[in-house]
Amino acid sequence: MKELPIDKGTRVTLHFSLKFEDGETVDSTFDKEPATLEIGDENLPESFEAYLMGLKAGDHQTFEVPPEKAFGQRNPNNLQTFKRHEFSADMVLEKGVVISFADARQQELPGVIHRVEGDEVEVDFNHPLAGRTLTFEVKIIDVEPVGPTH
């Protein structure tokens, strides 16, 4: 068993799960293949990577992650109202439907329909997990250096 601690420049193989406080699972690899990621490759938000720092293969930990360290608090400014005619006529517009928009930089930006009233469609661009405290469980399987080893 290698004793390399997780840090920048390491590749980590791990099982993880994200759960709401009530125990509902948001995402988990415990019932499938483990995930492999490089620290700093943006596969995992930086704030979640921070919890992994210093862990080693064999470690199994659970962290409570407050909204500030997870996906932020909900921002009322991220609720935007559009007119019905701004959407294609065949598009299903009802509460809970996720629509993909392009932001100013032409990056994909998902929005969830919050309400539809008359000619108005209110879309919520907050991350679906914003404002939630999450339970982040990790089981580290392997930690190895990335790139050439000298």
Protein backbone atom coordinates (compact mmCIF):
# COMPACT_ATOMS: atom_id res chain seq x y z
CA MET A 1 0.00 0.00 0.00
CA LYS A 2 1.53 3.29 -1.06
CA GLU A 3 1.65 6.04 1.55
CA LEU A 4 1.45 8.95 -0.90
CA PRO A 5 -0.95 11.60 0.45
CA ILE A 6 -3.40 13.29 -1.91
CA ASP A 7 -2.05 16.61 -3.10
CA LYS A 8 -1.71 18.58 -6.33
CA GLY A 9 0.02 16.40 -8.90
CA THR A 10 -1.61 13.16 -7.79
CA ARG A 11 -4.09 10.88 -9.53
CA VAL A 12 -6.69 9.49 -7.16
CA THR A 13 -8.87 6.42 -7.56
CA LEU A 14 -11.77 6.58 -5.15
CA HIS A 15 -15.36 5.75 -4.43
CA PHE A 16 -17.47 8.72 -3.44
CA SER A 17 -21.06 9.58 -2.69
CA LEU A 18 -22.91 12.84 -2.32
CA LYS A 19 -26.06 12.79 -0.24
CA PHE A 20 -28.57 15.29 1.05
CA GLU A 21 -28.92 15.64 4.82
CA ASP A 22 -32.01 13.41 4.70
CA GLY A 23 -29.87 10.59 3.26
CA GLU A 24 -31.15 10.83 -0.34
CA THR A 25 -28.26 10.00 -2.68
CA VAL A 26 -27.39 12.62 -5.30
CA ASP A 27 -24.50 10.69 -6.85
CA SER A 28 -22.46 7.66 -5.87
CA THR A 29 -19.82 5.31 -7.28
CA PHE A 30 -19.99 2.81 -4.39
CA ASP A 31 -22.24 0.51 -6.44
CA LYS A 32 -20.16 0.73 -9.64
CA GLU A 33 -16.62 1.32 -10.89
CA PRO A 34 -14.57 3.76 -8.81
CA ALA A 35 -13.79 7.19 -10.20
CA THR A 36 -10.27 8.27 -11.14
CA LEU A 37 -9.33 11.92 -11.25
CA GLU A 38 -6.32 14.16 -11.13
CA ILE A 39 -6.27 16.78 -8.40
CA GLY A 40 -6.75 20.12 -10.15
CA ASP A 41 -8.31 18.72 -13.36
CA GLU A 42 -11.67 20.30 -12.46
CA ASN A 43 -13.50 16.96 -12.47
CA LEU A 44 -14.25 17.72 -8.86
CA PRO A 45 -14.94 21.26 -7.64
CA GLU A 46 -11.90 22.71 -5.87
CA SER A 47 -13.80 22.96 -2.60
CA PHE A 48 -14.44 19.19 -2.66
CA GLU A 49 -10.80 18.49 -3.58
CA ALA A 50 -9.81 20.43 -0.44
CA TYR A 51 -11.46 17.72 1.69
CA LEU A 52 -9.33 15.04 0.00
CA MET A 53 -5.96 16.70 0.61
CA GLY A 54 -3.71 14.59 2.79
CA LEU A 55 -5.86 11.45 2.64
CA LYS A 56 -4.12 8.21 1.65
CA ALA A 57 -5.10 4.91 0.05
CA GLY A 58 -7.36 3.01 2.44
CA ASP A 59 -8.83 6.11 4.10
CA HIS A 60 -12.63 6.19 4.36
CA GLN A 61 -14.16 9.45 5.55
CA THR A 62 -17.42 11.35 5.57
CA PHE A 63 -17.62 15.15 5.49
CA GLU A 64 -20.52 17.55 6.00
CA VAL A 65 -20.18 20.14 3.25
CA PRO A 66 -22.06 23.43 3.84
CA PRO A 67 -23.52 25.27 0.80
CA GLU A 68 -20.66 27.81 0.83
CA LYS A 69 -18.18 24.99 0.22
CA ALA A 70 -20.43 23.01 -2.11
CA PHE A 71 -22.44 24.77 -4.80
CA GLY A 72 -23.05 28.11 -3.12
CA GLN A 73 -26.18 29.69 -1.69
CA ARG A 74 -29.20 30.20 -3.91
CA ASN A 75 -29.03 33.59 -5.62
CA PRO A 76 -32.37 35.32 -6.31
CA ASN A 77 -30.68 37.16 -9.21
CA ASN A 78 -30.33 33.79 -10.95
CA LEU A 79 -34.09 33.65 -11.49
CA GLN A 80 -34.81 35.17 -14.88
CA THR A 81 -38.06 35.78 -16.70
CA PHE A 82 -38.49 35.18 -20.43
CA LYS A 83 -41.45 35.62 -22.75
CA ARG A 84 -43.15 32.49 -24.07
CA HIS A 85 -42.42 33.45 -27.70
CA GLU A 86 -38.65 33.39 -26.97
CA PHE A 87 -38.85 29.58 -26.87
CA SER A 88 -39.57 27.36 -29.86
CA ALA A 89 -43.26 26.56 -30.23
CA ASP A 90 -42.79 22.80 -29.79
CA MET A 91 -40.82 23.11 -26.54
CA VAL A 92 -42.45 21.68 -23.42
CA LEU A 93 -42.53 24.49 -20.87
CA GLU A 94 -43.52 23.28 -17.43
CA LYS A 95 -42.09 23.48 -13.91
CA GLY A 96 -39.04 21.29 -13.44
CA VAL A 97 -38.06 20.99 -17.11
CA VAL A 98 -34.35 21.61 -17.68
CA ILE A 99 -33.47 23.78 -20.68
CA SER A 100 -29.98 24.38 -22.01
CA PHE A 101 -29.10 28.00 -22.73
CA ALA A 102 -25.88 29.55 -24.02
CA ASP A 103 -24.32 32.17 -21.79
CA ALA A 104 -22.47 35.27 -23.01
CA ARG A 105 -19.35 33.19 -23.71
CA GLN A 106 -21.43 30.58 -25.58
CA GLN A 107 -20.87 28.08 -22.77
CA GLU A 108 -23.78 25.76 -22.08
CA LEU A 109 -25.83 26.93 -19.13
CA PRO A 110 -28.67 24.74 -17.84
CA GLY A 111 -31.75 26.41 -16.41
CA VAL A 112 -34.75 24.82 -14.70
CA ILE A 113 -38.23 26.17 -15.39
CA HIS A 114 -39.43 27.57 -12.07
CA ARG A 115 -42.91 28.68 -13.13
CA VAL A 116 -44.96 29.38 -16.23
CA GLU A 117 -47.65 32.04 -16.00
CA GLY A 118 -49.45 33.41 -19.05
CA ASP A 119 -46.77 34.68 -21.42
CA GLU A 120 -44.05 34.59 -18.74
CA VAL A 121 -41.61 31.75 -18.18
CA GLU A 122 -39.41 32.04 -15.10
CA VAL A 123 -36.15 30.10 -15.32
CA ASP A 124 -33.88 29.28 -12.38
CA PHE A 125 -30.17 29.30 -13.24
CA ASN A 126 -29.03 28.41 -9.71
CA HIS A 127 -27.13 25.12 -9.52
CA PRO A 128 -29.68 22.42 -8.58
CA LEU A 129 -27.65 21.73 -5.43
CA ALA A 130 -27.23 25.39 -4.44
CA GLY A 131 -28.25 26.13 -0.87
CA ARG A 132 -28.00 22.49 0.19
CA THR A 133 -25.70 20.99 2.82
CA LEU A 134 -24.28 17.78 1.40
CA THR A 135 -22.72 14.69 2.94
CA PHE A 136 -19.56 13.82 1.00
CA GLU A 137 -18.31 10.29 1.65
CA VAL A 138 -15.03 9.10 0.17
CA LYS A 139 -13.11 5.85 0.20
CA ILE A 140 -9.63 6.30 -1.24
CA ILE A 141 -8.50 3.25 -3.22
CA ASP A 142 -5.22 4.45 -4.71
CA VAL A 143 -3.07 7.59 -4.89
CA GLU A 144 -0.31 7.84 -7.47
CA PRO A 145 1.90 10.61 -8.82
CA VAL A 146 0.95 12.15 -12.15
CA GLY A 147 3.48 12.47 -14.95
CA PRO A 148 7.09 11.42 -15.08
CA THR A 149 8.61 10.18 -11.86
CA HIS A 150 12.30 10.79 -11.30
